[in-house]
């Protein structure tokens, strides 16, 4: 299914870039993601569906980056 493939690739890319992100920003990103999704790797397909997301919503969200998180705590 397309949504599963796109979501998996988004998750893989996010993990790759999180590993390249220097501390302490990496920990801030992981903490934020854990607080929102209950998983430091990001949302699962099942979690997104439980929030009411359709397959098209999941595909669409997999094409967007997460919110900006700055070093200075401003976002």
PDB file of N, CA and C in Angstrom:
ATOM      1  N   UNK A   1       0.845  -1.181   0.000  1.00  0.00           N
ATOM      2  CA  UNK A   1       0.000   0.000   0.000  1.00  0.00           C
ATOM      3  C   UNK A   1       0.890   1.244   0.000  1.00  0.00           C
ATOM      4  N   UNK A   2       0.495   2.246  -0.735  1.00  0.00           N
ATOM      5  CA  UNK A   2       1.287   3.461  -0.902  1.00  0.00           C
ATOM      6  C   UNK A   2       1.482   4.190   0.430  1.00  0.00           C
ATOM      7  N   UNK A   3       0.431   4.336   1.209  1.00  0.00           N
ATOM      8  CA  UNK A   3       0.540   5.073   2.474  1.00  0.00           C
ATOM      9  C   UNK A   3       1.564   4.429   3.401  1.00  0.00           C
ATOM     10  N   UNK A   4       1.571   3.123   3.481  1.00  0.00           N
ATOM     11  CA  UNK A   4       2.542   2.427   4.347  1.00  0.00           C
ATOM     12  C   UNK A   4       3.970   2.646   3.850  1.00  0.00           C
ATOM     13  N   UNK A   5       4.175   2.595   2.547  1.00  0.00           N
ATOM     14  CA  UNK A   5       5.516   2.778   1.989  1.00  0.00           C
ATOM     15  C   UNK A   5       6.010   4.204   2.209  1.00  0.00           C
ATOM     16  N   UNK A   6       5.157   5.180   1.979  1.00  0.00           N
ATOM     17  CA  UNK A   6       5.547   6.580   2.145  1.00  0.00           C
ATOM     18  C   UNK A   6       5.804   6.879   3.625  1.00  0.00           C
ATOM     19  N   UNK A   7       4.948   6.371   4.479  1.00  0.00           N
ATOM     20  CA  UNK A   7       5.123   6.565   5.924  1.00  0.00           C
ATOM     21  C   UNK A   7       6.430   5.921   6.391  1.00  0.00           C
ATOM     22  N   UNK A   8       6.722   4.732   5.939  1.00  0.00           N
ATOM     23  CA  UNK A   8       7.961   4.045   6.325  1.00  0.00           C
ATOM     24  C   UNK A   8       9.191   4.833   5.863  1.00  0.00           C
ATOM     25  N   UNK A   9       9.144   5.365   4.662  1.00  0.00           N
ATOM     26  CA  UNK A   9      10.263   6.150   4.163  1.00  0.00           C
ATOM     27  C   UNK A   9      10.419   7.439   4.967  1.00  0.00           C
ATOM     28  N   UNK A  10       9.325   8.085   5.311  1.00  0.00           N
ATOM     29  CA  UNK A  10       9.376   9.306   6.142  1.00  0.00           C
ATOM     30  C   UNK A  10       9.984   8.993   7.500  1.00  0.00           C
ATOM     31  N   UNK A  11       9.586   7.884   8.097  1.00  0.00           N
ATOM     32  CA  UNK A  11      10.121   7.472   9.392  1.00  0.00           C
ATOM     33  C   UNK A  11      11.616   7.176   9.294  1.00  0.00           C
ATOM     34  N   UNK A  12      12.028   6.518   8.218  1.00  0.00           N
ATOM     35  CA  UNK A  12      13.440   6.204   8.013  1.00  0.00           C
ATOM     36  C   UNK A  12      14.260   7.477   7.854  1.00  0.00           C
ATOM     37  N   UNK A  13      13.770   8.393   7.035  1.00  0.00           N
ATOM     38  CA  UNK A  13      14.469   9.663   6.846  1.00  0.00           C
ATOM     39  C   UNK A  13      14.557  10.461   8.145  1.00  0.00           C
ATOM     40  N   UNK A  14      13.482  10.486   8.892  1.00  0.00           N
ATOM     41  CA  UNK A  14      13.482  11.214  10.168  1.00  0.00           C
ATOM     42  C   UNK A  14      14.527  10.628  11.111  1.00  0.00           C
ATOM     43  N   UNK A  15      14.603   9.310  11.189  1.00  0.00           N
ATOM     44  CA  UNK A  15      15.588   8.665  12.063  1.00  0.00           C
ATOM     45  C   UNK A  15      17.012   8.989  11.617  1.00  0.00           C
ATOM     46  N   UNK A  16      17.242   8.976  10.313  1.00  0.00           N
ATOM     47  CA  UNK A  16      18.567   9.295   9.779  1.00  0.00           C
ATOM     48  C   UNK A  16      18.983  10.708  10.161  1.00  0.00           C
ATOM     49  N   UNK A  17      18.079  11.671   9.967  1.00  0.00           N
ATOM     50  CA  UNK A  17      18.419  13.055  10.265  1.00  0.00           C
ATOM     51  C   UNK A  17      18.489  13.333  11.758  1.00  0.00           C
ATOM     52  N   UNK A  18      17.695  12.617  12.559  1.00  0.00           N
ATOM     53  CA  UNK A  18      17.811  12.765  14.011  1.00  0.00           C
ATOM     54  C   UNK A  18      19.205  12.329  14.463  1.00  0.00           C
ATOM     55  N   UNK A  19      19.718  11.262  13.894  1.00  0.00           N
ATOM     56  CA  UNK A  19      21.059  10.795  14.257  1.00  0.00           C
ATOM     57  C   UNK A  19      22.140  11.792  13.856  1.00  0.00           C
ATOM     58  N   UNK A  20      21.914  12.558  12.819  1.00  0.00           N
ATOM     59  CA  UNK A  20      22.873  13.557  12.370  1.00  0.00           C
ATOM     60  C   UNK A  20      22.765  14.882  13.137  1.00  0.00           C
ATOM     61  N   UNK A  21      21.695  15.042  13.881  1.00  0.00           N
ATOM     62  CA  UNK A  21      21.443  16.277  14.619  1.00  0.00           C
ATOM     63  C   UNK A  21      22.275  16.305  15.897  1.00  0.00           C
ATOM     64  N   UNK A  22      22.982  17.401  16.134  1.00  0.00           N
ATOM     65  CA  UNK A  22      23.805  17.483  17.341  1.00  0.00           C
ATOM     66  C   UNK A  22      22.970  17.629  18.609  1.00  0.00           C
ATOM     67  N   UNK A  23      23.542  17.208  19.702  1.00  0.00           N
ATOM     68  CA  UNK A  23      22.930  17.458  21.010  1.00  0.00           C
ATOM     69  C   UNK A  23      23.164  18.923  21.360  1.00  0.00           C
ATOM     70  N   UNK A  24      22.320  19.539  22.128  1.00  0.00           N
ATOM     71  CA  UNK A  24      21.153  18.998  22.815  1.00  0.00           C
ATOM     72  C   UNK A  24      19.878  19.022  21.973  1.00  0.00           C
ATOM     73  N   UNK A  25      19.970  19.512  20.750  1.00  0.00           N
ATOM     74  CA  UNK A  25      18.780  19.601  19.904  1.00  0.00           C
ATOM     75  C   UNK A  25      18.173  18.232  19.639  1.00  0.00           C
ATOM     76  N   UNK A  26      19.020  17.216  19.426  1.00  0.00           N
ATOM     77  CA  UNK A  26      18.509  15.864  19.163  1.00  0.00           C
ATOM     78  C   UNK A  26      17.599  15.395  20.297  1.00  0.00           C
ATOM     79  N   UNK A  27      18.042  15.617  21.531  1.00  0.00           N
ATOM     80  CA  UNK A  27      17.233  15.193  22.679  1.00  0.00           C
ATOM     81  C   UNK A  27      15.931  15.977  22.767  1.00  0.00           C
ATOM     82  N   UNK A  28      15.967  17.267  22.422  1.00  0.00           N
ATOM     83  CA  UNK A  28      14.743  18.066  22.421  1.00  0.00           C
ATOM     84  C   UNK A  28      13.749  17.543  21.394  1.00  0.00           C
ATOM     85  N   UNK A  29      14.246  17.179  20.228  1.00  0.00           N
ATOM     86  CA  UNK A  29      13.375  16.644  19.178  1.00  0.00           C
ATOM     87  C   UNK A  29      12.766  15.325  19.628  1.00  0.00           C
ATOM     88  N   UNK A  30      13.589  14.438  20.157  1.00  0.00           N
ATOM     89  CA  UNK A  30      13.079  13.137  20.612  1.00  0.00           C
ATOM     90  C   UNK A  30      12.065  13.301  21.744  1.00  0.00           C
ATOM     91  N   UNK A  31      12.336  14.214  22.681  1.00  0.00           N
ATOM     92  CA  UNK A  31      11.411  14.440  23.800  1.00  0.00           C
ATOM     93  C   UNK A  31      10.070  14.975  23.312  1.00  0.00           C
ATOM     94  N   UNK A  32      10.122  15.921  22.377  1.00  0.00           N
ATOM     95  CA  UNK A  32       8.890  16.472  21.817  1.00  0.00           C
ATOM     96  C   UNK A  32       8.086  15.405  21.103  1.00  0.00           C
ATOM     97  N   UNK A  33       8.778  14.610  20.294  1.00  0.00           N
ATOM     98  CA  UNK A  33       8.109  13.562  19.531  1.00  0.00           C
ATOM     99  C   UNK A  33       7.491  12.526  20.471  1.00  0.00           C
ATOM    100  N   UNK A  34       8.220  12.147  21.513  1.00  0.00           N
ATOM    101  CA  UNK A  34       7.707  11.196  22.500  1.00  0.00           C
ATOM    102  C   UNK A  34       6.469  11.751  23.202  1.00  0.00           C
ATOM    103  N   UNK A  35       6.519  13.028  23.574  1.00  0.00           N
ATOM    104  CA  UNK A  35       5.386  13.641  24.262  1.00  0.00           C
ATOM    105  C   UNK A  35       4.133  13.671  23.388  1.00  0.00           C
ATOM    106  N   UNK A  36       4.312  13.902  22.106  1.00  0.00           N
ATOM    107  CA  UNK A  36       3.165  14.012  21.203  1.00  0.00           C
ATOM    108  C   UNK A  36       2.634  12.645  20.779  1.00  0.00           C
ATOM    109  N   UNK A  37       3.544  11.733  20.416  1.00  0.00           N
ATOM    110  CA  UNK A  37       3.129  10.465  19.815  1.00  0.00           C
ATOM    111  C   UNK A  37       3.311   9.247  20.710  1.00  0.00           C
ATOM    112  N   UNK A  38       3.960   9.418  21.877  1.00  0.00           N
ATOM    113  CA  UNK A  38       4.213   8.283  22.752  1.00  0.00           C
ATOM    114  C   UNK A  38       5.279   7.358  22.193  1.00  0.00           C
ATOM    115  N   UNK A  39       6.066   7.887  21.256  1.00  0.00           N
ATOM    116  CA  UNK A  39       7.079   7.099  20.557  1.00  0.00           C
ATOM    117  C   UNK A  39       8.120   8.092  20.050  1.00  0.00           C
ATOM    118  N   UNK A  40       9.387   7.899  20.417  1.00  0.00           N
ATOM    119  CA  UNK A  40      10.404   8.878  20.026  1.00  0.00           C
ATOM    120  C   UNK A  40      10.748   8.819  18.541  1.00  0.00           C
ATOM    121  N   UNK A  41      10.241   7.819  17.832  1.00  0.00           N
ATOM    122  CA  UNK A  41      10.484   7.706  16.394  1.00  0.00           C
ATOM    123  C   UNK A  41       9.409   8.378  15.557  1.00  0.00           C
ATOM    124  N   UNK A  42       8.354   8.832  16.186  1.00  0.00           N
ATOM    125  CA  UNK A  42       7.271   9.479  15.456  1.00  0.00           C
ATOM    126  C   UNK A  42       6.002   8.647  15.464  1.00  0.00           C
ATOM    127  N   UNK A  43       4.986   9.141  14.791  1.00  0.00           N
ATOM    128  CA  UNK A  43       3.690   8.464  14.813  1.00  0.00           C
ATOM    129  C   UNK A  43       3.717   7.142  14.055  1.00  0.00           C
ATOM    130  N   UNK A  44       2.902   6.221  14.523  1.00  0.00           N
ATOM    131  CA  UNK A  44       2.711   4.957  13.804  1.00  0.00           C
ATOM    132  C   UNK A  44       1.488   5.104  12.901  1.00  0.00           C
ATOM    133  N   UNK A  45       1.381   4.228  11.938  1.00  0.00           N
ATOM    134  CA  UNK A  45       0.189   4.207  11.068  1.00  0.00           C
ATOM    135  C   UNK A  45      -1.067   4.025  11.925  1.00  0.00           C
ATOM    136  N   UNK A  46      -0.997   3.090  12.865  1.00  0.00           N
ATOM    137  CA  UNK A  46      -2.160   2.816  13.723  1.00  0.00           C
ATOM    138  C   UNK A  46      -2.529   4.035  14.569  1.00  0.00           C
ATOM    139  N   UNK A  47      -1.507   4.740  15.075  1.00  0.00           N
ATOM    140  CA  UNK A  47      -1.762   5.941  15.859  1.00  0.00           C
ATOM    141  C   UNK A  47      -2.389   7.049  15.034  1.00  0.00           C
ATOM    142  N   UNK A  48      -1.908   7.209  13.820  1.00  0.00           N
ATOM    143  CA  UNK A  48      -2.483   8.209  12.925  1.00  0.00           C
ATOM    144  C   UNK A  48      -3.930   7.877  12.580  1.00  0.00           C
ATOM    145  N   UNK A  49      -4.200   6.601  12.333  1.00  0.00           N
ATOM    146  CA  UNK A  49      -5.573   6.196  12.030  1.00  0.00           C
ATOM    147  C   UNK A  49      -6.477   6.388  13.246  1.00  0.00           C
ATOM    148  N   UNK A  50      -5.944   6.117  14.436  1.00  0.00           N
ATOM    149  CA  UNK A  50      -6.733   6.310  15.658  1.00  0.00           C
ATOM    150  C   UNK A  50      -7.090   7.777  15.867  1.00  0.00           C
ATOM    151  N   UNK A  51      -6.265   8.674  15.340  1.00  0.00           N
ATOM    152  CA  UNK A  51      -6.543  10.108  15.415  1.00  0.00           C
ATOM    153  C   UNK A  51      -7.512  10.550  14.323  1.00  0.00           C
ATOM    154  N   UNK A  52      -7.959   9.616  13.489  1.00  0.00           N
ATOM    155  CA  UNK A  52      -8.925   9.937  12.447  1.00  0.00           C
ATOM    156  C   UNK A  52      -8.335  10.254  11.096  1.00  0.00           C
ATOM    157  N   UNK A  53      -7.036  10.013  10.919  1.00  0.00           N
ATOM    158  CA  UNK A  53      -6.401  10.283   9.630  1.00  0.00           C
ATOM    159  C   UNK A  53      -6.752   9.204   8.607  1.00  0.00           C
ATOM    160  N   UNK A  54      -7.094   9.644   7.415  1.00  0.00           N
ATOM    161  CA  UNK A  54      -7.359   8.723   6.309  1.00  0.00           C
ATOM    162  C   UNK A  54      -6.034   8.308   5.690  1.00  0.00           C
ATOM    163  N   UNK A  55      -6.070   7.358   4.763  1.00  0.00           N
ATOM    164  CA  UNK A  55      -4.847   6.969   4.052  1.00  0.00           C
ATOM    165  C   UNK A  55      -4.272   8.169   3.299  1.00  0.00           C
ATOM    166  N   UNK A  56      -5.132   8.966   2.700  1.00  0.00           N
ATOM    167  CA  UNK A  56      -4.658  10.170   1.997  1.00  0.00           C
ATOM    168  C   UNK A  56      -4.020  11.165   2.962  1.00  0.00           C
ATOM    169  N   UNK A  57      -4.592  11.311   4.157  1.00  0.00           N
ATOM    170  CA  UNK A  57      -4.005  12.191   5.173  1.00  0.00           C
ATOM    171  C   UNK A  57      -2.607  11.704   5.563  1.00  0.00           C
ATOM    172  N   UNK A  58      -2.457  10.400   5.710  1.00  0.00           N
ATOM    173  CA  UNK A  58      -1.175   9.811   6.098  1.00  0.00           C
ATOM    174  C   UNK A  58      -0.138  10.049   5.004  1.00  0.00           C
ATOM    175  N   UNK A  59      -0.532   9.860   3.770  1.00  0.00           N
ATOM    176  CA  UNK A  59       0.386  10.120   2.648  1.00  0.00           C
ATOM    177  C   UNK A  59       0.778  11.593   2.650  1.00  0.00           C
ATOM    178  N   UNK A  60      -0.201  12.478   2.802  1.00  0.00           N
ATOM    179  CA  UNK A  60       0.073  13.906   2.795  1.00  0.00           C
ATOM    180  C   UNK A  60       1.008  14.308   3.928  1.00  0.00           C
ATOM    181  N   UNK A  61       0.758  13.807   5.125  1.00  0.00           N
ATOM    182  CA  UNK A  61       1.596  14.186   6.271  1.00  0.00           C
ATOM    183  C   UNK A  61       3.012  13.633   6.151  1.00  0.00           C
ATOM    184  N   UNK A  62       3.171  12.529   5.460  1.00  0.00           N
ATOM    185  CA  UNK A  62       4.502  11.936   5.282  1.00  0.00           C
ATOM    186  C   UNK A  62       5.372  12.768   4.343  1.00  0.00           C
ATOM    187  N   UNK A  63       4.768  13.696   3.621  1.00  0.00           N
ATOM    188  CA  UNK A  63       5.532  14.523   2.685  1.00  0.00           C
ATOM    189  C   UNK A  63       5.978  15.842   3.311  1.00  0.00           C
ATOM    190  N   UNK A  64       5.572  16.093   4.563  1.00  0.00           N
ATOM    191  CA  UNK A  64       5.907  17.354   5.228  1.00  0.00           C
ATOM    192  C   UNK A  64       6.892  17.120   6.373  1.00  0.00           C
ATOM    193  N   UNK A  65       7.798  18.063   6.594  1.00  0.00           N
ATOM    194  CA  UNK A  65       8.684  17.960   7.756  1.00  0.00           C
ATOM    195  C   UNK A  65       7.920  18.285   9.029  1.00  0.00           C
ATOM    196  N   UNK A  66       8.480  17.904  10.141  1.00  0.00           N
ATOM    197  CA  UNK A  66       7.900  18.270  11.418  1.00  0.00           C
ATOM    198  C   UNK A  66       8.129  19.743  11.704  1.00  0.00           C
ATOM    199  N   UNK A  67       7.613  20.231  12.830  1.00  0.00           N
ATOM    200  CA  UNK A  67       7.770  21.654  13.153  1.00  0.00           C
ATOM    201  C   UNK A  67       9.216  22.001  13.461  1.00  0.00           C
ATOM    202  N   UNK A  68       9.539  23.250  13.266  1.00  0.00           N
ATOM    203  CA  UNK A  68      10.880  23.753  13.553  1.00  0.00           C
ATOM    204  C   UNK A  68      11.128  23.738  15.067  1.00  0.00           C
ATOM    205  N   UNK A  69      12.284  23.269  15.445  1.00  0.00           N
ATOM    206  CA  UNK A  69      12.716  23.303  16.837  1.00  0.00           C
ATOM    207  C   UNK A  69      14.075  23.969  16.843  1.00  0.00           C
ATOM    208  N   UNK A  70      14.192  25.077  17.595  1.00  0.00           N
ATOM    209  CA  UNK A  70      15.439  25.842  17.550  1.00  0.00           C
ATOM    210  C   UNK A  70      16.336  25.501  18.731  1.00  0.00           C
ATOM    211  N   UNK A  71      17.596  25.879  18.605  1.00  0.00           N
ATOM    212  CA  UNK A  71      18.564  25.680  19.670  1.00  0.00           C
ATOM    213  C   UNK A  71      18.267  26.533  20.901  1.00  0.00           C
ATOM    214  N   UNK A  72      17.652  27.690  20.697  1.00  0.00           N
ATOM    215  CA  UNK A  72      17.466  28.643  21.793  1.00  0.00           C
ATOM    216  C   UNK A  72      16.179  28.432  22.566  1.00  0.00           C
ATOM    217  N   UNK A  73      15.443  27.384  22.259  1.00  0.00           N
ATOM    218  CA  UNK A  73      14.191  27.123  22.963  1.00  0.00           C
ATOM    219  C   UNK A  73      13.020  27.928  22.458  1.00  0.00           C
ATOM    220  N   UNK A  74      13.221  28.646  21.345  1.00  0.00           N
ATOM    221  CA  UNK A  74      12.180  29.502  20.814  1.00  0.00           C
ATOM    222  C   UNK A  74      11.251  28.826  19.834  1.00  0.00           C
ATOM    223  N   UNK A  75      11.238  27.521  19.804  1.00  0.00           N
ATOM    224  CA  UNK A  75      10.318  26.874  18.856  1.00  0.00           C
ATOM    225  C   UNK A  75      10.788  25.525  18.483  1.00  0.00           C
TER     226      UNK A  75
END
